[in-house]
PDB file of N, CA and C in Angstrom:
ATOM      1  N   UNK A   1      68.805  -1.090 -45.157  1.00  0.00           N
ATOM      2  CA  UNK A   1      69.453  -2.613 -45.604  1.00  0.00           C
ATOM      3  C   UNK A   1      70.822  -2.947 -45.557  1.00  0.00           C
ATOM      4  N   UNK A   2      71.229  -4.041 -45.536  1.00  0.00           N
ATOM      5  CA  UNK A   2      72.653  -4.365 -45.464  1.00  0.00           C
ATOM      6  C   UNK A   2      73.054  -4.989 -46.721  1.00  0.00           C
ATOM      7  N   UNK A   3      74.054  -4.390 -47.618  1.00  0.00           N
ATOM      8  CA  UNK A   3      74.590  -5.080 -48.950  1.00  0.00           C
ATOM      9  C   UNK A   3      76.329  -5.756 -48.431  1.00  0.00           C
ATOM     10  N   UNK A   4      76.368  -7.028 -48.601  1.00  0.00           N
ATOM     11  CA  UNK A   4      77.028  -7.926 -48.757  1.00  0.00           C
ATOM     12  C   UNK A   4      77.987  -8.454 -49.868  1.00  0.00           C
ATOM     13  N   UNK A   5      78.920  -8.092 -49.958  1.00  0.00           N
ATOM     14  CA  UNK A   5      79.889  -8.452 -51.181  1.00  0.00           C
ATOM     15  C   UNK A   5      80.627  -9.898 -50.940  1.00  0.00           C
ATOM     16  N   UNK A   6      80.726 -10.878 -51.678  1.00  0.00           N
ATOM     17  CA  UNK A   6      81.429 -11.780 -51.470  1.00  0.00           C
ATOM     18  C   UNK A   6      82.468 -11.920 -52.970  1.00  0.00           C
ATOM     19  N   UNK A   7      83.980 -11.846 -52.302  1.00  0.00           N
ATOM     20  CA  UNK A   7      85.207 -11.723 -52.864  1.00  0.00           C
ATOM     21  C   UNK A   7      85.190 -13.109 -53.659  1.00  0.00           C
ATOM     22  N   UNK A   8      85.324 -13.216 -55.090  1.00  0.00           N
ATOM     23  CA  UNK A   8      85.488 -14.234 -55.642  1.00  0.00           C
ATOM     24  C   UNK A   8      87.308 -15.161 -55.390  1.00  0.00           C
ATOM     25  N   UNK A   9      88.210 -13.929 -54.725  1.00  0.00           N
ATOM     26  CA  UNK A   9      89.239 -14.883 -54.495  1.00  0.00           C
ATOM     27  C   UNK A   9      89.191 -14.743 -52.633  1.00  0.00           C
ATOM     28  N   UNK A  10      90.487 -15.595 -52.090  1.00  0.00           N
ATOM     29  CA  UNK A  10      90.663 -15.726 -50.570  1.00  0.00           C
ATOM     30  C   UNK A  10      90.726 -14.144 -50.343  1.00  0.00           C
ATOM     31  N   UNK A  11      90.943 -13.661 -49.010  1.00  0.00           N
ATOM     32  CA  UNK A  11      90.805 -12.819 -48.465  1.00  0.00           C
ATOM     33  C   UNK A  11      92.047 -12.461 -48.112  1.00  0.00           C
ATOM     34  N   UNK A  12      92.586 -11.033 -48.250  1.00  0.00           N
ATOM     35  CA  UNK A  12      94.207 -10.543 -47.889  1.00  0.00           C
ATOM     36  C   UNK A  12      94.627 -11.505 -46.488  1.00  0.00           C
ATOM     37  N   UNK A  13      96.038 -11.827 -46.596  1.00  0.00           N
ATOM     38  CA  UNK A  13      96.466 -12.076 -45.615  1.00  0.00           C
ATOM     39  C   UNK A  13      96.289 -13.833 -45.827  1.00  0.00           C
ATOM     40  N   UNK A  14      96.514 -14.156 -46.535  1.00  0.00           N
ATOM     41  CA  UNK A  14      96.707 -16.007 -46.753  1.00  0.00           C
ATOM     42  C   UNK A  14      97.837 -16.181 -46.522  1.00  0.00           C
ATOM     43  N   UNK A  15      98.942 -15.365 -46.764  1.00  0.00           N
ATOM     44  CA  UNK A  15     100.328 -15.647 -46.882  1.00  0.00           C
ATOM     45  C   UNK A  15     100.974 -16.422 -48.147  1.00  0.00           C
ATOM     46  N   UNK A  16     100.507 -15.525 -49.258  1.00  0.00           N
ATOM     47  CA  UNK A  16     100.863 -16.358 -50.256  1.00  0.00           C
ATOM     48  C   UNK A  16     102.771 -15.642 -50.249  1.00  0.00           C
ATOM     49  N   UNK A  17     103.185 -16.480 -51.171  1.00  0.00           N
ATOM     50  CA  UNK A  17     104.980 -16.251 -51.265  1.00  0.00           C
ATOM     51  C   UNK A  17     105.295 -16.422 -52.927  1.00  0.00           C
ATOM     52  N   UNK A  18     106.557 -15.670 -52.592  1.00  0.00           N
ATOM     53  CA  UNK A  18     106.967 -15.863 -54.194  1.00  0.00           C
ATOM     54  C   UNK A  18     107.958 -17.141 -54.302  1.00  0.00           C
ATOM     55  N   UNK A  19     107.294 -17.858 -55.394  1.00  0.00           N
ATOM     56  CA  UNK A  19     108.164 -19.670 -55.658  1.00  0.00           C
ATOM     57  C   UNK A  19     109.216 -19.418 -56.031  1.00  0.00           C
ATOM     58  N   UNK A  20     110.122 -18.142 -56.407  1.00  0.00           N
ATOM     59  CA  UNK A  20     111.369 -18.203 -56.793  1.00  0.00           C
ATOM     60  C   UNK A  20     112.072 -17.869 -55.155  1.00  0.00           C
ATOM     61  N   UNK A  21     111.879 -16.708 -54.686  1.00  0.00           N
ATOM     62  CA  UNK A  21     112.756 -16.683 -53.617  1.00  0.00           C
ATOM     63  C   UNK A  21     112.229 -16.911 -52.169  1.00  0.00           C
ATOM     64  N   UNK A  22     110.821 -17.115 -52.301  1.00  0.00           N
ATOM     65  CA  UNK A  22     110.147 -17.219 -50.926  1.00  0.00           C
ATOM     66  C   UNK A  22     109.852 -15.844 -50.160  1.00  0.00           C
ATOM     67  N   UNK A  23     109.817 -14.466 -50.600  1.00  0.00           N
ATOM     68  CA  UNK A  23     109.570 -13.555 -50.238  1.00  0.00           C
ATOM     69  C   UNK A  23     107.451 -13.412 -50.275  1.00  0.00           C
ATOM     70  N   UNK A  24     107.350 -12.892 -49.599  1.00  0.00           N
ATOM     71  CA  UNK A  24     105.857 -12.560 -49.064  1.00  0.00           C
ATOM     72  C   UNK A  24     105.157 -11.452 -50.282  1.00  0.00           C
ATOM     73  N   UNK A  25     104.222 -12.051 -50.550  1.00  0.00           N
ATOM     74  CA  UNK A  25     103.453 -11.191 -52.061  1.00  0.00           C
ATOM     75  C   UNK A  25     102.041 -10.788 -51.779  1.00  0.00           C
ATOM     76  N   UNK A  26     101.856  -9.886 -51.958  1.00  0.00           N
ATOM     77  CA  UNK A  26     100.326  -9.906 -51.739  1.00  0.00           C
ATOM     78  C   UNK A  26      99.049 -10.590 -52.560  1.00  0.00           C
ATOM     79  N   UNK A  27      97.973 -10.883 -52.312  1.00  0.00           N
ATOM     80  CA  UNK A  27      96.981 -11.966 -53.265  1.00  0.00           C
ATOM     81  C   UNK A  27      96.876 -10.987 -54.433  1.00  0.00           C
ATOM     82  N   UNK A  28      96.761  -9.995 -54.234  1.00  0.00           N
ATOM     83  CA  UNK A  28      96.341  -8.954 -55.664  1.00  0.00           C
ATOM     84  C   UNK A  28      97.717  -8.901 -56.358  1.00  0.00           C
ATOM     85  N   UNK A  29      98.744  -8.667 -56.064  1.00  0.00           N
ATOM     86  CA  UNK A  29      99.983  -9.078 -56.863  1.00  0.00           C
ATOM     87  C   UNK A  29      99.729 -10.530 -57.534  1.00  0.00           C
ATOM     88  N   UNK A  30      99.449 -11.976 -56.842  1.00  0.00           N
ATOM     89  CA  UNK A  30      99.614 -13.057 -57.650  1.00  0.00           C
ATOM     90  C   UNK A  30      98.324 -13.057 -58.176  1.00  0.00           C
ATOM     91  N   UNK A  31      97.308 -12.166 -58.074  1.00  0.00           N
ATOM     92  CA  UNK A  31      96.294 -12.218 -59.583  1.00  0.00           C
ATOM     93  C   UNK A  31      96.472 -11.180 -60.541  1.00  0.00           C
ATOM     94  N   UNK A  32      96.970 -10.045 -60.076  1.00  0.00           N
ATOM     95  CA  UNK A  32      97.428  -9.656 -61.444  1.00  0.00           C
ATOM     96  C   UNK A  32      98.785 -10.160 -62.161  1.00  0.00           C
ATOM     97  N   UNK A  33      99.980 -10.473 -61.727  1.00  0.00           N
ATOM     98  CA  UNK A  33     100.915 -10.755 -62.374  1.00  0.00           C
ATOM     99  C   UNK A  33     101.225 -12.193 -62.221  1.00  0.00           C
ATOM    100  N   UNK A  34     100.660 -12.672 -61.205  1.00  0.00           N
ATOM    101  CA  UNK A  34     101.059 -14.445 -61.459  1.00  0.00           C
ATOM    102  C   UNK A  34     100.029 -14.997 -62.372  1.00  0.00           C
ATOM    103  N   UNK A  35     100.375 -16.406 -62.452  1.00  0.00           N
ATOM    104  CA  UNK A  35     100.017 -17.285 -63.258  1.00  0.00           C
ATOM    105  C   UNK A  35      98.629 -17.818 -63.269  1.00  0.00           C
ATOM    106  N   UNK A  36      97.785 -18.798 -64.121  1.00  0.00           N
ATOM    107  CA  UNK A  36      96.415 -18.874 -63.855  1.00  0.00           C
ATOM    108  C   UNK A  36      95.957 -19.133 -62.577  1.00  0.00           C
ATOM    109  N   UNK A  37      96.953 -19.941 -61.839  1.00  0.00           N
ATOM    110  CA  UNK A  37      96.425 -20.411 -60.239  1.00  0.00           C
ATOM    111  C   UNK A  37      96.485 -19.224 -59.391  1.00  0.00           C
ATOM    112  N   UNK A  38      96.625 -17.912 -59.408  1.00  0.00           N
ATOM    113  CA  UNK A  38      97.460 -17.020 -58.887  1.00  0.00           C
ATOM    114  C   UNK A  38      98.704 -17.359 -58.280  1.00  0.00           C
ATOM    115  N   UNK A  39      99.577 -17.926 -58.842  1.00  0.00           N
ATOM    116  CA  UNK A  39     100.832 -18.187 -57.939  1.00  0.00           C
ATOM    117  C   UNK A  39     102.231 -17.455 -58.851  1.00  0.00           C
ATOM    118  N   UNK A  40     102.717 -16.889 -57.490  1.00  0.00           N
ATOM    119  CA  UNK A  40     103.966 -15.322 -58.036  1.00  0.00           C
ATOM    120  C   UNK A  40     105.059 -16.526 -58.601  1.00  0.00           C
ATOM    121  N   UNK A  41     105.782 -16.686 -59.270  1.00  0.00           N
ATOM    122  CA  UNK A  41     106.819 -17.521 -59.809  1.00  0.00           C
ATOM    123  C   UNK A  41     108.178 -16.247 -59.207  1.00  0.00           C
ATOM    124  N   UNK A  42     108.253 -14.985 -59.824  1.00  0.00           N
ATOM    125  CA  UNK A  42     108.813 -13.996 -59.192  1.00  0.00           C
ATOM    126  C   UNK A  42     108.000 -12.863 -58.724  1.00  0.00           C
ATOM    127  N   UNK A  43     109.027 -12.198 -57.667  1.00  0.00           N
ATOM    128  CA  UNK A  43     108.652 -11.180 -57.204  1.00  0.00           C
ATOM    129  C   UNK A  43     109.298  -9.602 -57.797  1.00  0.00           C
ATOM    130  N   UNK A  44     108.801  -8.518 -56.834  1.00  0.00           N
ATOM    131  CA  UNK A  44     109.609  -7.192 -56.880  1.00  0.00           C
ATOM    132  C   UNK A  44     111.170  -7.320 -56.121  1.00  0.00           C
ATOM    133  N   UNK A  45     111.157  -8.337 -54.933  1.00  0.00           N
ATOM    134  CA  UNK A  45     112.770  -8.705 -54.195  1.00  0.00           C
ATOM    135  C   UNK A  45     113.302  -9.603 -55.106  1.00  0.00           C
ATOM    136  N   UNK A  46     112.966 -10.156 -56.152  1.00  0.00           N
ATOM    137  CA  UNK A  46     114.010 -10.969 -57.061  1.00  0.00           C
ATOM    138  C   UNK A  46     113.868 -10.795 -58.367  1.00  0.00           C
ATOM    139  N   UNK A  47     112.841  -9.490 -58.999  1.00  0.00           N
ATOM    140  CA  UNK A  47     112.992  -9.467 -60.249  1.00  0.00           C
ATOM    141  C   UNK A  47     112.734  -8.453 -60.592  1.00  0.00           C
ATOM    142  N   UNK A  48     113.181  -7.955 -61.982  1.00  0.00           N
ATOM    143  CA  UNK A  48     112.820  -6.656 -62.292  1.00  0.00           C
ATOM    144  C   UNK A  48     111.501  -6.486 -62.678  1.00  0.00           C
ATOM    145  N   UNK A  49     110.384  -5.218 -62.694  1.00  0.00           N
ATOM    146  CA  UNK A  49     109.214  -4.849 -63.125  1.00  0.00           C
ATOM    147  C   UNK A  49     109.070  -5.017 -64.542  1.00  0.00           C
ATOM    148  N   UNK A  50     110.322  -4.728 -65.736  1.00  0.00           N
ATOM    149  CA  UNK A  50     109.898  -4.602 -66.859  1.00  0.00           C
ATOM    150  C   UNK A  50     109.996  -6.540 -66.742  1.00  0.00           C
ATOM    151  N   UNK A  51     110.491  -7.044 -66.639  1.00  0.00           N
ATOM    152  CA  UNK A  51     110.442  -8.629 -66.587  1.00  0.00           C
ATOM    153  C   UNK A  51     109.254  -9.128 -66.145  1.00  0.00           C
ATOM    154  N   UNK A  52     108.605  -8.706 -65.086  1.00  0.00           N
ATOM    155  CA  UNK A  52     107.387  -9.101 -64.234  1.00  0.00           C
ATOM    156  C   UNK A  52     106.199  -8.682 -65.235  1.00  0.00           C
ATOM    157  N   UNK A  53     106.227  -7.559 -65.802  1.00  0.00           N
ATOM    158  CA  UNK A  53     104.861  -7.072 -66.709  1.00  0.00           C
ATOM    159  C   UNK A  53     104.990  -7.956 -67.879  1.00  0.00           C
ATOM    160  N   UNK A  54     106.563  -8.889 -68.174  1.00  0.00           N
ATOM    161  CA  UNK A  54     105.979  -9.165 -69.457  1.00  0.00           C
ATOM    162  C   UNK A  54     106.057 -10.350 -69.235  1.00  0.00           C
ATOM    163  N   UNK A  55     105.588 -11.269 -68.277  1.00  0.00           N
ATOM    164  CA  UNK A  55     105.310 -12.229 -67.596  1.00  0.00           C
ATOM    165  C   UNK A  55     106.134 -13.280 -66.384  1.00  0.00           C
ATOM    166  N   UNK A  56     107.418 -12.874 -66.117  1.00  0.00           N
ATOM    167  CA  UNK A  56     108.118 -14.102 -65.363  1.00  0.00           C
ATOM    168  C   UNK A  56     107.318 -14.109 -63.975  1.00  0.00           C
ATOM    169  N   UNK A  57     106.189 -12.846 -63.583  1.00  0.00           N
ATOM    170  CA  UNK A  57     105.934 -13.505 -62.546  1.00  0.00           C
ATOM    171  C   UNK A  57     105.109 -14.742 -62.760  1.00  0.00           C
ATOM    172  N   UNK A  58     104.556 -14.937 -63.877  1.00  0.00           N
ATOM    173  CA  UNK A  58     103.907 -15.704 -64.598  1.00  0.00           C
ATOM    174  C   UNK A  58     104.289 -17.403 -64.491  1.00  0.00           C
ATOM    175  N   UNK A  59     105.857 -17.330 -64.507  1.00  0.00           N
ATOM    176  CA  UNK A  59     106.508 -18.119 -64.754  1.00  0.00           C
ATOM    177  C   UNK A  59     106.968 -18.160 -66.601  1.00  0.00           C
ATOM    178  N   UNK A  60     106.509 -17.899 -67.480  1.00  0.00           N
ATOM    179  CA  UNK A  60     107.012 -17.542 -68.548  1.00  0.00           C
ATOM    180  C   UNK A  60     108.568 -17.211 -68.984  1.00  0.00           C
ATOM    181  N   UNK A  61     109.131 -17.491 -69.553  1.00  0.00           N
ATOM    182  CA  UNK A  61     110.238 -17.225 -70.277  1.00  0.00           C
ATOM    183  C   UNK A  61     110.508 -15.503 -70.880  1.00  0.00           C
ATOM    184  N   UNK A  62     111.147 -14.778 -70.560  1.00  0.00           N
ATOM    185  CA  UNK A  62     110.982 -13.858 -71.254  1.00  0.00           C
ATOM    186  C   UNK A  62     112.532 -13.191 -71.785  1.00  0.00           C
ATOM    187  N   UNK A  63     112.855 -12.639 -72.946  1.00  0.00           N
ATOM    188  CA  UNK A  63     114.369 -12.410 -73.426  1.00  0.00           C
ATOM    189  C   UNK A  63     114.589 -11.107 -72.698  1.00  0.00           C
ATOM    190  N   UNK A  64     114.227 -10.482 -72.025  1.00  0.00           N
ATOM    191  CA  UNK A  64     115.178  -9.535 -71.129  1.00  0.00           C
ATOM    192  C   UNK A  64     115.650 -10.485 -69.659  1.00  0.00           C
ATOM    193  N   UNK A  65     117.290  -9.881 -69.875  1.00  0.00           N
ATOM    194  CA  UNK A  65     117.951 -10.458 -69.107  1.00  0.00           C
ATOM    195  C   UNK A  65     117.796 -10.800 -67.478  1.00  0.00           C
ATOM    196  N   UNK A  66     117.679 -11.624 -66.701  1.00  0.00           N
ATOM    197  CA  UNK A  66     117.588 -11.734 -65.606  1.00  0.00           C
ATOM    198  C   UNK A  66     118.375 -10.789 -64.474  1.00  0.00           C
ATOM    199  N   UNK A  67     117.845 -10.305 -63.735  1.00  0.00           N
ATOM    200  CA  UNK A  67     118.398  -9.394 -63.215  1.00  0.00           C
ATOM    201  C   UNK A  67     119.810 -10.066 -62.020  1.00  0.00           C
ATOM    202  N   UNK A  68     119.196 -11.377 -61.346  1.00  0.00           N
ATOM    203  CA  UNK A  68     120.238 -11.714 -60.716  1.00  0.00           C
ATOM    204  C   UNK A  68     121.171 -12.981 -61.521  1.00  0.00           C
ATOM    205  N   UNK A  69     121.159 -12.830 -62.538  1.00  0.00           N
ATOM    206  CA  UNK A  69     122.264 -13.448 -63.291  1.00  0.00           C
ATOM    207  C   UNK A  69     122.883 -12.871 -64.274  1.00  0.00           C
ATOM    208  N   UNK A  70     122.429 -11.670 -64.834  1.00  0.00           N
ATOM    209  CA  UNK A  70     123.288 -10.773 -65.879  1.00  0.00           C
ATOM    210  C   UNK A  70     123.965  -9.397 -65.480  1.00  0.00           C
ATOM    211  N   UNK A  71     124.925  -9.250 -65.902  1.00  0.00           N
ATOM    212  CA  UNK A  71     125.672  -8.188 -65.265  1.00  0.00           C
ATOM    213  C   UNK A  71     125.548  -7.102 -65.792  1.00  0.00           C
ATOM    214  N   UNK A  72     125.164  -5.817 -65.099  1.00  0.00           N
ATOM    215  CA  UNK A  72     125.169  -4.303 -65.493  1.00  0.00           C
ATOM    216  C   UNK A  72     123.724  -4.043 -64.683  1.00  0.00           C
ATOM    217  N   UNK A  73     123.301  -2.967 -65.379  1.00  0.00           N
ATOM    218  CA  UNK A  73     122.497  -2.300 -64.671  1.00  0.00           C
ATOM    219  C   UNK A  73     121.417  -2.543 -63.946  1.00  0.00           C
ATOM    220  N   UNK A  74     120.835  -4.148 -64.198  1.00  0.00           N
ATOM    221  CA  UNK A  74     119.808  -4.388 -63.420  1.00  0.00           C
ATOM    222  C   UNK A  74     120.003  -5.338 -62.484  1.00  0.00           C
ATOM    223  N   UNK A  75     121.026  -5.510 -62.569  1.00  0.00           N
ATOM    224  CA  UNK A  75     121.153  -6.935 -61.205  1.00  0.00           C
ATOM    225  C   UNK A  75     123.042  -7.353 -61.931  1.00  0.00           C
ATOM    226  N   UNK A  76     123.216  -8.042 -61.060  1.00  0.00           N
ATOM    227  CA  UNK A  76     124.718  -9.031 -61.446  1.00  0.00           C
ATOM    228  C   UNK A  76     125.463  -7.824 -60.354  1.00  0.00           C
ATOM    229  N   UNK A  77     126.604  -8.257 -61.181  1.00  0.00           N
ATOM    230  CA  UNK A  77     127.980  -7.542 -60.358  1.00  0.00           C
ATOM    231  C   UNK A  77     127.642  -6.111 -60.805  1.00  0.00           C
ATOM    232  N   UNK A  78     128.439  -5.393 -59.762  1.00  0.00           N
ATOM    233  CA  UNK A  78     128.217  -3.956 -59.894  1.00  0.00           C
ATOM    234  C   UNK A  78     128.832  -3.088 -61.324  1.00  0.00           C
ATOM    235  N   UNK A  79     128.870  -2.014 -61.750  1.00  0.00           N
ATOM    236  CA  UNK A  79     129.550  -1.929 -62.788  1.00  0.00           C
ATOM    237  C   UNK A  79     131.032  -0.903 -61.761  1.00  0.00           C
ATOM    238  N   UNK A  80     132.072  -0.980 -62.014  1.00  0.00           N
ATOM    239  CA  UNK A  80     133.790  -0.785 -61.267  1.00  0.00           C
ATOM    240  C   UNK A  80     134.091   0.328 -62.165  1.00  0.00           C
TER     241      UNK A  80
END
């Protein structure tokens, strides 16, 4: 007997991209961190894990400074 499972989401390789920087993201990343439509607004290439886990990847505003604009340890200008 052969069992077949139908996944409730599109198969891998659909070419998902980050809406902020355009980098490739996996479908699984979009399902876990993305918004209700499985779209990633930020990804590991353009944001910190700490911000993504708090909602930035789903398009939500978070209180943690954005590494692209905030100076210091997580982005911006390097400490000299």
